[in-house]
Amino acid sequence: MTKIKCIIEAASLMMGTIFLMTGCGTAAEAETDNTEKSTTIVESIVIEQDKIDYPFPYGVEGWRLVLCTDKAAGEKSTFCFRIYNEEKNLVQEFPCEIEADELIFRFDKELYNQWASLAVYPEDAETSRVDGLLFTWNYEEQRFDEDPIEIPWYDEVIGYHTFLVTDRQENGETRVIYRLDSEIRQPIELRDWTLTWDEDGDRTARLYIWDCIAESVIYDGVLYDGKEAWKAVGRLANDEYYQELFLKDLQYPGSPTVDETISTAKYITGGEDSWHLENIDYESREALLTDCGFQDAEPYYQYFDRFGNLELELYFDENAGRGCGFRYSNGLNYELEKVIWCIDGFIFEGISSEEWEDDSYSLLTWGDREALEHEDITQVLYEYTDDEKISSYEVRGLTENTEMQWWEGMEVTDDFFLSIDWVYRSDGTLYRRYYNHNSRVFGTAGQSQWTYYDEPGRSVYRHEYITHGSHEYYYIYNGDNEKPSYCLLLDRDGSYSTPSMIVYR
């Protein structure tokens, strides 16, 4: 009786790829790990091979996954898997219906329900684009689900249940973002990227981005305006903007849960030391508006996402200095029907006054300059776009903060202090500013900030991390004015959003 010898060429605990090559030899030539390989003879011969380094989850770390070859007389070999527990007892055996002489294994934790799945591909899947099989780990039953999911060869996992597939041709490239849906157990196509280019002459390129769920065009244009469309080989000029359009705000079907009760924060202020905050639950949107005297009013301000979905609604009496409003979310069910619901509400009485300061190109936020005076700056880095707009700023240096030492005896070296990135639209207008600082130097308040701009380049929305949650700023303009008239600040903490209304001088 012959056995098939298994050679594992590369292994990874969590994110890698294993190449498994099979070759024939005699039983005397086979390697055995000090344990005799078992064989079973029924109508075919099942031959065990070497262990696969699958990262079993907590509680079953000592288990073993083994690939077997099922050799039927006169037919091509097929594969199956066996799982043994720590006592070397057989726990599970299931088939792997892939015909190949060599298999590739991939284990990615975030691909399915935060447990490493077993993705199995033929050896040439990366070039042939042949689909593989994904066996998902069932943590409750401590075994693999034996009904695999067909999955294309993917470049990388880019988020929970989300992965990217790229196909490059001579004069073009397609990218597809998939969502692996655990309810229907199949990949769903979320967004397509099609880039084509002309290798001759000016090397112009055309980009088309399509959202499959919203069924809408995100971008469609020629990436050439008298300058080359390429920053480097395979990378577009202004690539950060196009990547953000492609990767952000992904929508996918699910099972949205809607709570009819509207959790509402009511904030009343009469000055710096006079304020009152209470939390109220309303049964409906109409009940809140009626209680605030806005039952017959039109919204003073609304904020929509880039797909036209309503995210915020404000009712405001400028003369009385009071108002109320709602935050909204939306999702799709598995029938691809849009579901919209109110996340929470807010009520305010009293407004504060501040001087408007446009920090779009400010290199330091509050507290940064004072903190940096106590540190040794070793490096300040700037980057600019081709038309000389600043695109990134970074400060590095030495710090006296001993908490920077991750373990005892570690030498303090150059470390990150703060960075700012600016992203511009294809027409050169500012699209987004991202600020980030070292929390061990400056604290956690305002540690990260995302500011988005409208086409005229005005701040319209900012999301800011704070220790207990986040701050959301909505800038409200009167017509085409460059300076906002008001800013609605929502302090989000758990189920409530505490409002503050600011009028700018």
Protein backbone atom coordinates (compact mmCIF):
# COMPACT_ATOMS: atom_id res chain seq x y z
CA MET A 1 0.00 0.00 0.00
CA THR A 2 1.38 3.41 -0.92
CA LYS A 3 1.10 6.59 1.10
CA ILE A 4 1.21 10.20 -0.05
CA LYS A 5 3.89 12.32 1.55
CA CYS A 6 2.86 15.83 2.63
CA ILE A 7 5.35 18.72 2.56
CA ILE A 8 4.33 22.00 4.22
CA GLU A 9 6.33 24.80 2.61
CA ALA A 10 5.03 27.84 4.55
CA ALA A 11 2.78 28.34 7.54
CA SER A 12 1.03 31.24 9.26
CA LEU A 13 -0.81 31.36 12.57
CA MET A 14 -3.44 33.83 11.53
CA MET A 15 -3.03 35.77 8.30
CA GLY A 16 -0.77 33.68 6.10
CA THR A 17 -0.91 31.14 3.31
CA ILE A 18 0.17 27.49 3.48
CA PHE A 19 1.24 25.63 0.33
CA LEU A 20 0.62 21.90 0.61
CA MET A 21 2.37 19.77 -2.01
CA THR A 22 1.67 16.08 -2.52
CA GLY A 23 3.94 13.44 -3.99
CA CYS A 24 3.90 9.67 -3.98
CA GLY A 25 6.31 7.41 -2.08
CA THR A 26 6.39 4.13 -0.22
CA ALA A 27 5.18 3.64 3.34
CA ALA A 28 8.76 3.22 4.47
CA GLU A 29 9.65 6.61 3.01
CA ALA A 30 6.78 8.51 4.68
CA GLU A 31 7.50 10.72 7.71
CA THR A 32 5.40 9.85 10.73
CA ASP A 33 5.98 12.41 13.63
CA ASN A 34 6.59 9.50 15.97
CA THR A 35 2.97 8.42 15.44
CA GLU A 36 1.91 5.84 12.84
CA LYS A 37 -0.37 7.34 10.21
CA SER A 38 -3.75 5.58 10.18
CA THR A 39 -5.37 4.26 7.02
CA THR A 40 -8.94 3.24 6.41
CA ILE A 41 -10.08 0.85 3.65
CA VAL A 42 -13.73 0.94 2.67
CA GLU A 43 -14.53 1.30 -1.02
CA SER A 44 -11.56 3.64 -1.26
CA ILE A 45 -8.32 4.24 0.59
CA VAL A 46 -8.09 7.25 2.89
CA ILE A 47 -4.51 8.23 3.62
CA GLU A 48 -3.66 10.67 6.37
CA GLN A 49 -1.06 13.31 5.72
CA ASP A 50 0.82 15.78 7.92
CA LYS A 51 -0.82 18.17 10.35
CA ILE A 52 -2.09 21.57 9.14
CA ASP A 53 -1.15 24.44 11.45
CA TYR A 54 -4.69 25.72 11.84
CA PRO A 55 -5.00 28.24 14.76
CA PHE A 56 -7.67 26.53 16.87
CA PRO A 57 -9.52 28.98 19.15
CA TYR A 58 -9.49 29.23 22.92
CA GLY A 59 -10.41 26.01 24.70
CA VAL A 60 -9.31 23.68 21.92
CA GLU A 61 -5.81 24.99 21.26
CA GLY A 62 -4.30 21.51 21.49
CA TRP A 63 -6.46 19.98 18.76
CA ARG A 64 -5.01 18.84 15.41
CA LEU A 65 -6.29 19.33 11.86
CA VAL A 66 -5.13 16.75 9.33
CA LEU A 67 -5.60 16.66 5.56
CA CYS A 68 -6.38 13.25 4.09
CA THR A 69 -6.39 11.95 0.52
CA ASP A 70 -9.26 9.75 -0.59
CA LYS A 71 -7.88 7.54 -3.36
CA ALA A 72 -10.55 5.56 -5.18
CA ALA A 73 -9.48 2.91 -7.67
CA GLY A 74 -9.29 4.32 -11.19
CA GLU A 75 -10.35 7.82 -10.11
CA LYS A 76 -8.54 11.04 -9.30
CA SER A 77 -7.74 11.65 -5.64
CA THR A 78 -10.01 13.87 -3.57
CA PHE A 79 -9.40 15.37 -0.16
CA CYS A 80 -11.02 15.35 3.25
CA PHE A 81 -10.17 16.74 6.68
CA ARG A 82 -9.99 15.12 10.10
CA ILE A 83 -9.92 16.80 13.50
CA TYR A 84 -8.41 15.09 16.54
CA ASN A 85 -8.71 16.31 20.12
CA GLU A 86 -5.90 16.33 22.69
CA GLU A 87 -6.58 12.66 23.49
CA LYS A 88 -6.06 11.86 19.77
CA ASN A 89 -9.71 10.90 19.38
CA LEU A 90 -11.37 11.63 16.06
CA VAL A 91 -13.79 14.55 16.53
CA GLN A 92 -14.84 15.29 12.96
CA GLU A 93 -14.26 14.17 9.39
CA PHE A 94 -15.58 16.10 6.40
CA PRO A 95 -14.88 16.23 2.65
CA CYS A 96 -13.10 18.94 0.67
CA GLU A 97 -14.36 18.72 -2.89
CA ILE A 98 -11.46 20.39 -4.68
CA GLU A 99 -9.61 18.53 -7.43
CA ALA A 100 -5.97 19.58 -7.39
CA ASP A 101 -2.51 18.18 -6.82
CA GLU A 102 -1.59 21.07 -4.55
CA LEU A 103 -3.76 23.05 -2.13
CA ILE A 104 -3.35 26.47 -0.53
CA PHE A 105 -4.73 27.24 2.93
CA ARG A 106 -5.52 30.67 4.37
CA PHE A 107 -6.66 31.55 7.90
CA ASP A 108 -8.18 35.00 8.54
CA LYS A 109 -9.83 35.80 11.83
CA GLU A 110 -12.02 38.71 10.70
CA LEU A 111 -13.32 36.97 7.61
CA TYR A 112 -16.16 35.24 9.45
CA ASN A 113 -17.53 35.81 12.97
CA GLN A 114 -14.13 36.67 14.49
CA TRP A 115 -12.91 33.06 14.44
CA ALA A 116 -10.25 31.88 12.03
CA SER A 117 -11.89 30.19 9.06
CA LEU A 118 -10.25 27.62 6.82
CA ALA A 119 -10.06 28.83 3.21
CA VAL A 120 -8.91 26.15 0.76
CA TYR A 121 -7.87 26.89 -2.84
CA PRO A 122 -6.28 25.02 -5.75
CA GLU A 123 -2.61 25.84 -6.13
CA ASP A 124 -3.14 28.20 -9.11
CA ALA A 125 -6.14 30.12 -7.70
CA GLU A 126 -4.34 33.47 -7.60
CA THR A 127 -3.71 33.44 -11.35
CA SER A 128 -6.56 31.26 -12.63
CA ARG A 129 -9.18 33.11 -10.51
CA VAL A 130 -10.77 29.77 -9.58
CA ASP A 131 -12.98 29.95 -6.48
CA GLY A 132 -12.06 28.15 -3.30
CA LEU A 133 -14.03 26.75 -0.36
CA LEU A 134 -14.36 28.45 3.01
CA PHE A 135 -15.04 26.19 5.98
CA THR A 136 -16.26 28.32 8.89
CA TRP A 137 -15.59 27.45 12.50
CA ASN A 138 -18.64 26.91 14.70
CA TYR A 139 -17.44 27.92 18.15
CA GLU A 140 -20.51 26.62 20.00
CA GLU A 141 -20.25 23.13 18.52
CA GLN A 142 -16.41 23.16 18.43
CA ARG A 143 -16.20 21.98 14.84
CA PHE A 144 -16.25 23.25 11.27
CA ASP A 145 -19.49 23.78 9.41
CA GLU A 146 -19.34 21.09 6.74
CA ASP A 147 -21.31 23.09 4.18
CA PRO A 148 -18.56 25.33 2.73
CA ILE A 149 -18.98 28.78 1.22
CA GLU A 150 -17.61 29.36 -2.27
CA ILE A 151 -15.21 32.27 -2.08
CA PRO A 152 -13.00 33.96 -4.71
CA TRP A 153 -9.27 34.39 -4.20
CA TYR A 154 -8.94 37.64 -2.23
CA ASP A 155 -6.11 40.11 -1.85
CA GLU A 156 -6.79 41.04 1.75
CA VAL A 157 -9.41 41.30 4.45
CA ILE A 158 -10.23 45.01 4.76
CA GLY A 159 -12.78 44.86 7.58
CA TYR A 160 -15.07 42.58 9.53
CA HIS A 161 -16.55 40.07 7.01
CA THR A 162 -15.25 42.28 4.18
CA PHE A 163 -12.54 41.45 1.65
CA LEU A 164 -11.04 42.85 -1.55
CA VAL A 165 -10.60 41.00 -4.86
CA THR A 166 -8.37 42.52 -7.57
CA ASP A 167 -7.95 41.47 -11.20
CA ARG A 168 -5.25 43.24 -13.22
CA GLN A 169 -5.03 43.25 -16.99
CA GLU A 170 -2.59 44.85 -19.41
CA ASN A 171 -4.43 48.18 -19.65
CA GLY A 172 -6.89 47.96 -16.83
CA GLU A 173 -7.73 46.89 -13.33
CA THR A 174 -10.92 45.84 -11.57
CA ARG A 175 -11.43 45.71 -7.82
CA VAL A 176 -14.46 44.31 -6.05
CA ILE A 177 -15.33 44.65 -2.37
CA TYR A 178 -17.28 41.69 -1.03
CA ARG A 179 -19.17 41.24 2.21
CA LEU A 180 -19.35 37.66 3.50
CA ASP A 181 -22.88 37.43 4.82
CA SER A 182 -23.34 34.99 7.70
CA GLU A 183 -27.13 34.86 7.30
CA ILE A 184 -27.27 33.60 3.71
CA ARG A 185 -23.69 32.21 3.81
CA GLN A 186 -22.41 33.69 0.58
CA PRO A 187 -20.33 36.70 -0.54
CA ILE A 188 -22.28 39.81 -1.54
CA GLU A 189 -20.76 42.29 -3.99
CA LEU A 190 -20.73 45.76 -2.39
CA ARG A 191 -18.69 48.01 -4.63
CA ASP A 192 -16.86 47.89 -7.98
CA TRP A 193 -13.78 49.80 -9.14
CA THR A 194 -12.88 49.81 -12.84
CA LEU A 195 -9.71 51.63 -13.89
CA THR A 196 -8.57 51.68 -17.51
CA TRP A 197 -5.61 53.50 -19.01
CA ASP A 198 -3.78 54.23 -22.21
CA GLU A 199 -0.11 53.29 -22.16
CA ASP A 200 0.65 55.56 -25.11
CA GLY A 201 1.06 59.31 -25.14
CA ASP A 202 -0.14 61.12 -22.03
CA ARG A 203 -1.15 57.96 -20.14
CA THR A 204 -4.62 59.18 -19.34
CA ALA A 205 -6.78 57.00 -17.12
CA ARG A 206 -10.51 56.65 -16.61
CA LEU A 207 -12.01 55.60 -13.27
CA TYR A 208 -15.50 54.28 -12.64
CA ILE A 209 -16.71 53.43 -9.12
CA TRP A 210 -20.11 51.81 -8.72
CA ASP A 211 -21.99 51.08 -5.48
CA CYS A 212 -23.79 47.77 -6.04
CA ILE A 213 -26.16 48.10 -3.08
CA ALA A 214 -27.25 51.72 -3.57
CA GLU A 215 -27.11 51.16 -7.35
CA SER A 216 -25.44 54.53 -7.82
CA VAL A 217 -22.33 55.92 -9.47
CA ILE A 218 -19.80 57.19 -6.94
CA TYR A 219 -17.24 58.43 -9.45
CA ASP A 220 -16.96 58.49 -13.23
CA GLY A 221 -14.27 60.59 -14.83
CA VAL A 222 -11.08 60.91 -16.82
CA LEU A 223 -8.10 61.39 -14.52
CA TYR A 224 -6.18 63.83 -16.65
CA ASP A 225 -6.14 67.62 -16.65
CA GLY A 226 -2.87 68.44 -18.38
CA LYS A 227 -0.77 66.49 -15.86
CA GLU A 228 0.00 62.81 -15.63
CA ALA A 229 -2.59 60.73 -13.82
CA TRP A 230 0.08 58.62 -12.14
CA LYS A 231 2.05 59.28 -8.98
CA ALA A 232 4.00 56.04 -9.26
CA VAL A 233 3.71 52.72 -11.06
CA GLY A 234 0.29 51.35 -10.20
CA ARG A 235 -0.66 54.31 -8.03
CA LEU A 236 -2.82 57.22 -9.13
CA ALA A 237 -2.04 60.81 -8.41
CA ASN A 238 -4.45 61.95 -5.67
CA ASP A 239 -4.94 58.26 -4.88
CA GLU A 240 -6.07 58.93 -1.28
CA TYR A 241 -9.23 60.64 -2.50
CA TYR A 242 -10.24 57.85 -4.87
CA GLN A 243 -9.47 55.17 -2.29
CA GLU A 244 -11.66 56.94 0.26
CA LEU A 245 -14.53 57.09 -2.22
CA PHE A 246 -14.10 53.39 -2.92
CA LEU A 247 -13.61 52.07 0.61
CA LYS A 248 -15.71 54.30 2.88
CA ASP A 249 -19.41 54.18 3.80
CA LEU A 250 -20.01 50.62 2.66
CA GLN A 251 -23.62 49.46 2.77
CA TYR A 252 -24.76 45.86 2.93
CA PRO A 253 -27.93 43.84 3.61
CA GLY A 254 -28.67 42.75 7.14
CA SER A 255 -31.34 42.54 9.80
CA PRO A 256 -31.77 46.12 11.09
CA THR A 257 -33.27 46.35 14.56
CA VAL A 258 -35.44 49.40 15.12
CA ASP A 259 -36.30 50.72 18.59
CA GLU A 260 -39.43 52.85 18.47
CA THR A 261 -38.48 54.65 21.69
CA ILE A 262 -36.45 57.82 21.11
CA SER A 263 -33.82 58.34 23.82
CA THR A 264 -33.49 62.12 24.20
CA ALA A 265 -31.06 64.38 26.06
CA LYS A 266 -32.50 67.76 27.13
CA TYR A 267 -29.91 70.41 27.93
CA ILE A 268 -30.86 73.82 29.36
CA THR A 269 -28.22 76.47 29.90
CA GLY A 270 -28.42 79.99 31.28
CA GLY A 271 -24.72 80.79 31.42
CA GLU A 272 -21.37 79.29 32.33
CA ASP A 273 -22.45 78.02 35.75
CA SER A 274 -26.16 77.56 35.16
CA TRP A 275 -27.24 74.42 33.35
CA HIS A 276 -29.55 71.45 33.64
CA LEU A 277 -29.43 68.07 31.87
CA GLU A 278 -32.05 65.34 31.88
CA ASN A 279 -32.74 62.26 29.79
CA ILE A 280 -36.24 61.67 28.44
CA ASP A 281 -37.67 58.78 26.42
CA TYR A 282 -40.30 59.72 23.82
CA GLU A 283 -42.66 57.24 22.20
CA SER A 284 -42.45 58.88 18.80
CA ARG A 285 -40.85 61.65 16.78
CA GLU A 286 -44.18 63.52 16.71
CA ALA A 287 -44.41 63.45 20.51
CA LEU A 288 -41.00 65.09 20.87
CA LEU A 289 -41.77 67.80 18.29
CA THR A 290 -45.12 68.57 19.94
CA ASP A 291 -43.53 68.79 23.38
CA CYS A 292 -41.04 71.35 22.03
CA GLY A 293 -43.61 73.37 20.05
CA PHE A 294 -42.29 72.42 16.58
CA GLN A 295 -45.14 70.11 15.52
CA ASP A 296 -46.04 72.26 12.49
CA ALA A 297 -42.54 73.53 11.68
CA GLU A 298 -40.22 72.72 8.78
CA PRO A 299 -36.66 71.57 9.59
CA TYR A 300 -34.22 74.46 10.01
CA TYR A 301 -31.29 72.29 8.86
CA GLN A 302 -30.73 68.79 7.53
CA TYR A 303 -27.52 66.82 6.99
CA PHE A 304 -27.34 64.04 4.38
CA ASP A 305 -24.66 61.46 3.62
CA ARG A 306 -23.22 61.17 0.11
CA PHE A 307 -25.94 58.72 -0.90
CA GLY A 308 -28.67 61.19 0.02
CA ASN A 309 -29.65 59.47 3.27
CA LEU A 310 -30.82 61.78 6.05
CA GLU A 311 -28.47 61.66 9.06
CA LEU A 312 -29.49 64.70 11.11
CA GLU A 313 -32.53 66.94 11.38
CA LEU A 314 -32.64 70.22 13.34
CA TYR A 315 -35.60 72.37 14.35
CA PHE A 316 -34.49 75.76 15.63
CA ASP A 317 -36.05 79.02 16.82
CA GLU A 318 -33.29 81.61 16.40
CA ASN A 319 -35.11 84.33 18.34
CA ALA A 320 -35.86 82.13 21.33
CA GLY A 321 -32.50 80.35 21.22
CA ARG A 322 -34.02 76.90 21.56
CA GLY A 323 -34.40 73.85 19.36
CA CYS A 324 -34.58 70.11 19.03
CA GLY A 325 -33.76 67.42 16.53
CA PHE A 326 -32.98 63.83 15.66
CA ARG A 327 -30.14 61.63 14.51
CA TYR A 328 -31.01 58.96 11.94
CA SER A 329 -29.52 55.78 10.59
CA ASN A 330 -30.49 53.52 7.73
CA GLY A 331 -29.88 50.01 6.55
CA LEU A 332 -31.06 47.35 4.12
CA ASN A 333 -32.88 44.15 4.93
CA TYR A 334 -32.31 40.97 2.94
CA GLU A 335 -35.06 41.95 0.51
CA LEU A 336 -32.89 45.02 -0.25
CA GLU A 337 -35.56 47.32 1.18
CA LYS A 338 -34.25 50.45 2.90
CA VAL A 339 -35.05 50.75 6.60
CA ILE A 340 -34.72 54.19 8.25
CA TRP A 341 -34.92 54.74 11.98
CA CYS A 342 -34.25 57.42 14.58
CA ILE A 343 -31.16 56.73 16.68
CA ASP A 344 -31.88 59.35 19.32
CA GLY A 345 -33.20 62.87 19.87
CA PHE A 346 -31.98 66.06 21.52
CA ILE A 347 -33.47 69.24 22.99
CA PHE A 348 -31.67 72.45 23.93
CA GLU A 349 -32.56 75.81 25.42
CA GLY A 350 -29.93 78.53 25.35
CA ILE A 351 -27.02 79.12 22.99
CA SER A 352 -23.40 80.16 23.49
CA SER A 353 -21.29 82.59 21.46
CA GLU A 354 -17.80 81.93 20.10
CA GLU A 355 -15.33 83.51 17.69
CA TRP A 356 -15.08 81.51 14.45
CA GLU A 357 -11.63 80.15 13.70
CA ASP A 358 -10.98 78.17 10.55
CA ASP A 359 -8.45 75.47 11.48
CA SER A 360 -8.49 73.70 8.11
CA TYR A 361 -4.76 74.25 7.67
CA SER A 362 -3.76 74.71 11.29
CA LEU A 363 -0.84 72.48 12.22
CA LEU A 364 -1.58 72.34 15.95
CA THR A 365 -4.77 71.99 17.97
CA TRP A 366 -5.40 73.18 21.50
CA GLY A 367 -2.79 72.11 24.00
CA ASP A 368 -0.40 70.77 21.40
CA ARG A 369 1.94 73.74 21.26
CA GLU A 370 2.33 73.95 25.04
CA ALA A 371 2.95 70.21 25.29
CA LEU A 372 5.55 70.26 22.54
CA GLU A 373 7.54 72.91 24.42
CA HIS A 374 8.32 70.26 27.04
CA GLU A 375 9.53 67.67 24.55
CA ASP A 376 12.52 67.36 22.26
CA ILE A 377 11.39 67.50 18.65
CA THR A 378 13.71 65.53 16.39
CA GLN A 379 11.83 65.51 13.11
CA VAL A 380 9.14 67.55 11.34
CA LEU A 381 7.95 66.16 8.01
CA TYR A 382 5.92 67.87 5.29
CA GLU A 383 4.50 66.53 2.02
CA TYR A 384 2.80 68.50 -0.77
CA THR A 385 0.65 67.73 -3.78
CA ASP A 386 1.85 68.39 -7.32
CA ASP A 387 0.09 71.78 -7.24
CA GLU A 388 1.87 72.65 -3.96
CA LYS A 389 -0.99 72.08 -1.51
CA ILE A 390 0.05 70.57 1.80
CA SER A 391 -0.95 66.91 2.01
CA SER A 392 0.67 65.67 5.22
CA TYR A 393 2.41 66.97 8.33
CA GLU A 394 4.08 64.89 11.03
CA VAL A 395 6.02 65.66 14.21
CA ARG A 396 8.30 63.12 15.87
CA GLY A 397 10.64 63.41 18.81
CA LEU A 398 11.80 62.34 22.25
CA THR A 399 9.49 62.50 25.23
CA GLU A 400 10.08 62.73 28.96
CA ASN A 401 6.92 60.72 29.61
CA THR A 402 8.15 57.44 31.10
CA GLU A 403 4.89 55.74 30.17
CA MET A 404 6.28 55.72 26.64
CA GLN A 405 8.51 52.82 27.73
CA TRP A 406 6.50 49.73 26.88
CA TRP A 407 8.49 47.42 29.13
CA GLU A 408 11.12 47.87 31.82
CA GLY A 409 14.52 48.75 30.48
CA MET A 410 13.31 49.85 27.04
CA GLU A 411 15.34 52.75 25.68
CA VAL A 412 13.32 55.85 24.82
CA THR A 413 13.78 56.61 21.11
CA ASP A 414 12.16 58.68 18.39
CA ASP A 415 8.38 58.53 18.73
CA PHE A 416 5.27 59.80 17.04
CA PHE A 417 3.76 63.05 18.42
CA LEU A 418 1.12 64.12 15.93
CA SER A 419 0.16 63.95 12.26
CA ILE A 420 -2.30 65.64 9.91
CA ASP A 421 -3.40 64.45 6.46
CA TRP A 422 -5.31 66.48 3.89
CA VAL A 423 -7.21 64.82 1.03
CA TYR A 424 -8.31 66.82 -2.03
CA ARG A 425 -10.93 66.19 -4.67
CA SER A 426 -9.94 65.69 -8.29
CA ASP A 427 -10.67 69.41 -8.90
CA GLY A 428 -8.24 70.43 -6.13
CA THR A 429 -10.80 71.43 -3.47
CA LEU A 430 -10.30 70.19 0.08
CA TYR A 431 -12.33 67.05 0.81
CA ARG A 432 -11.19 65.75 4.20
CA ARG A 433 -8.71 66.58 6.98
CA TYR A 434 -7.58 63.92 9.45
CA TYR A 435 -5.78 64.84 12.67
CA ASN A 436 -4.20 62.36 15.10
CA HIS A 437 -1.96 62.81 18.12
CA ASN A 438 -0.12 60.65 20.63
CA SER A 439 -2.48 60.21 23.60
CA ARG A 440 0.46 59.58 25.96
CA VAL A 441 1.75 63.06 25.20
CA PHE A 442 -1.42 65.10 24.71
CA GLY A 443 -4.12 62.98 26.39
CA THR A 444 -7.06 61.18 24.80
CA ALA A 445 -9.41 64.17 24.34
CA GLY A 446 -9.52 65.07 20.66
CA GLN A 447 -6.98 62.35 19.91
CA SER A 448 -8.41 61.82 16.43
CA GLN A 449 -10.49 64.17 14.30
CA TRP A 450 -12.12 63.74 10.89
CA THR A 451 -13.31 66.98 9.26
CA TYR A 452 -15.22 66.91 5.96
CA TYR A 453 -15.67 69.83 3.56
CA ASP A 454 -18.21 70.81 0.93
CA GLU A 455 -17.21 71.60 -2.66
CA PRO A 456 -16.54 75.32 -1.90
CA GLY A 457 -14.07 74.06 0.77
CA ARG A 458 -16.11 74.89 3.90
CA SER A 459 -16.15 72.69 7.02
CA VAL A 460 -19.51 70.90 7.16
CA TYR A 461 -18.99 68.04 9.60
CA ARG A 462 -16.41 66.92 12.17
CA HIS A 463 -16.17 63.72 14.17
CA GLU A 464 -13.85 63.89 17.17
CA TYR A 465 -12.87 61.11 19.55
CA ILE A 466 -13.15 61.79 23.29
CA THR A 467 -12.61 59.42 26.18
CA HIS A 468 -16.27 58.64 26.89
CA GLY A 469 -17.46 58.60 23.28
CA SER A 470 -17.30 61.26 20.59
CA HIS A 471 -18.14 64.85 19.65
CA GLU A 472 -19.98 65.54 16.41
CA TYR A 473 -19.95 69.05 14.95
CA TYR A 474 -22.46 70.18 12.30
CA TYR A 475 -21.57 73.56 10.74
CA ILE A 476 -24.55 75.56 9.47
CA TYR A 477 -24.08 78.29 6.84
CA ASN A 478 -26.30 81.12 5.67
CA GLY A 479 -26.31 80.89 1.89
CA ASP A 480 -22.87 81.12 0.30
CA ASN A 481 -21.17 82.71 3.31
CA GLU A 482 -17.68 81.39 3.94
CA LYS A 483 -18.11 81.59 7.72
CA PRO A 484 -20.72 79.37 9.43
CA SER A 485 -23.51 81.07 11.34
CA TYR A 486 -24.02 78.24 13.83
CA CYS A 487 -22.53 74.97 14.96
CA LEU A 488 -24.56 72.18 16.52
CA LEU A 489 -22.34 70.11 18.83
CA LEU A 490 -23.56 66.69 19.94
CA ASP A 491 -21.71 65.05 22.83
CA ARG A 492 -22.38 61.35 22.28
CA ASP A 493 -22.18 59.22 25.40
CA GLY A 494 -23.88 55.84 25.30
CA SER A 495 -27.53 56.09 24.24
CA TYR A 496 -27.78 59.86 24.40
CA SER A 497 -26.47 62.86 22.45
CA THR A 498 -26.19 65.98 24.60
CA PRO A 499 -26.61 69.10 22.43
CA SER A 500 -24.93 72.50 22.51
CA MET A 501 -25.78 75.27 20.05
CA ILE A 502 -23.04 77.78 19.19
CA VAL A 503 -23.48 81.07 17.31
CA TYR A 504 -20.31 82.44 15.68
CA ARG A 505 -19.29 86.07 15.91
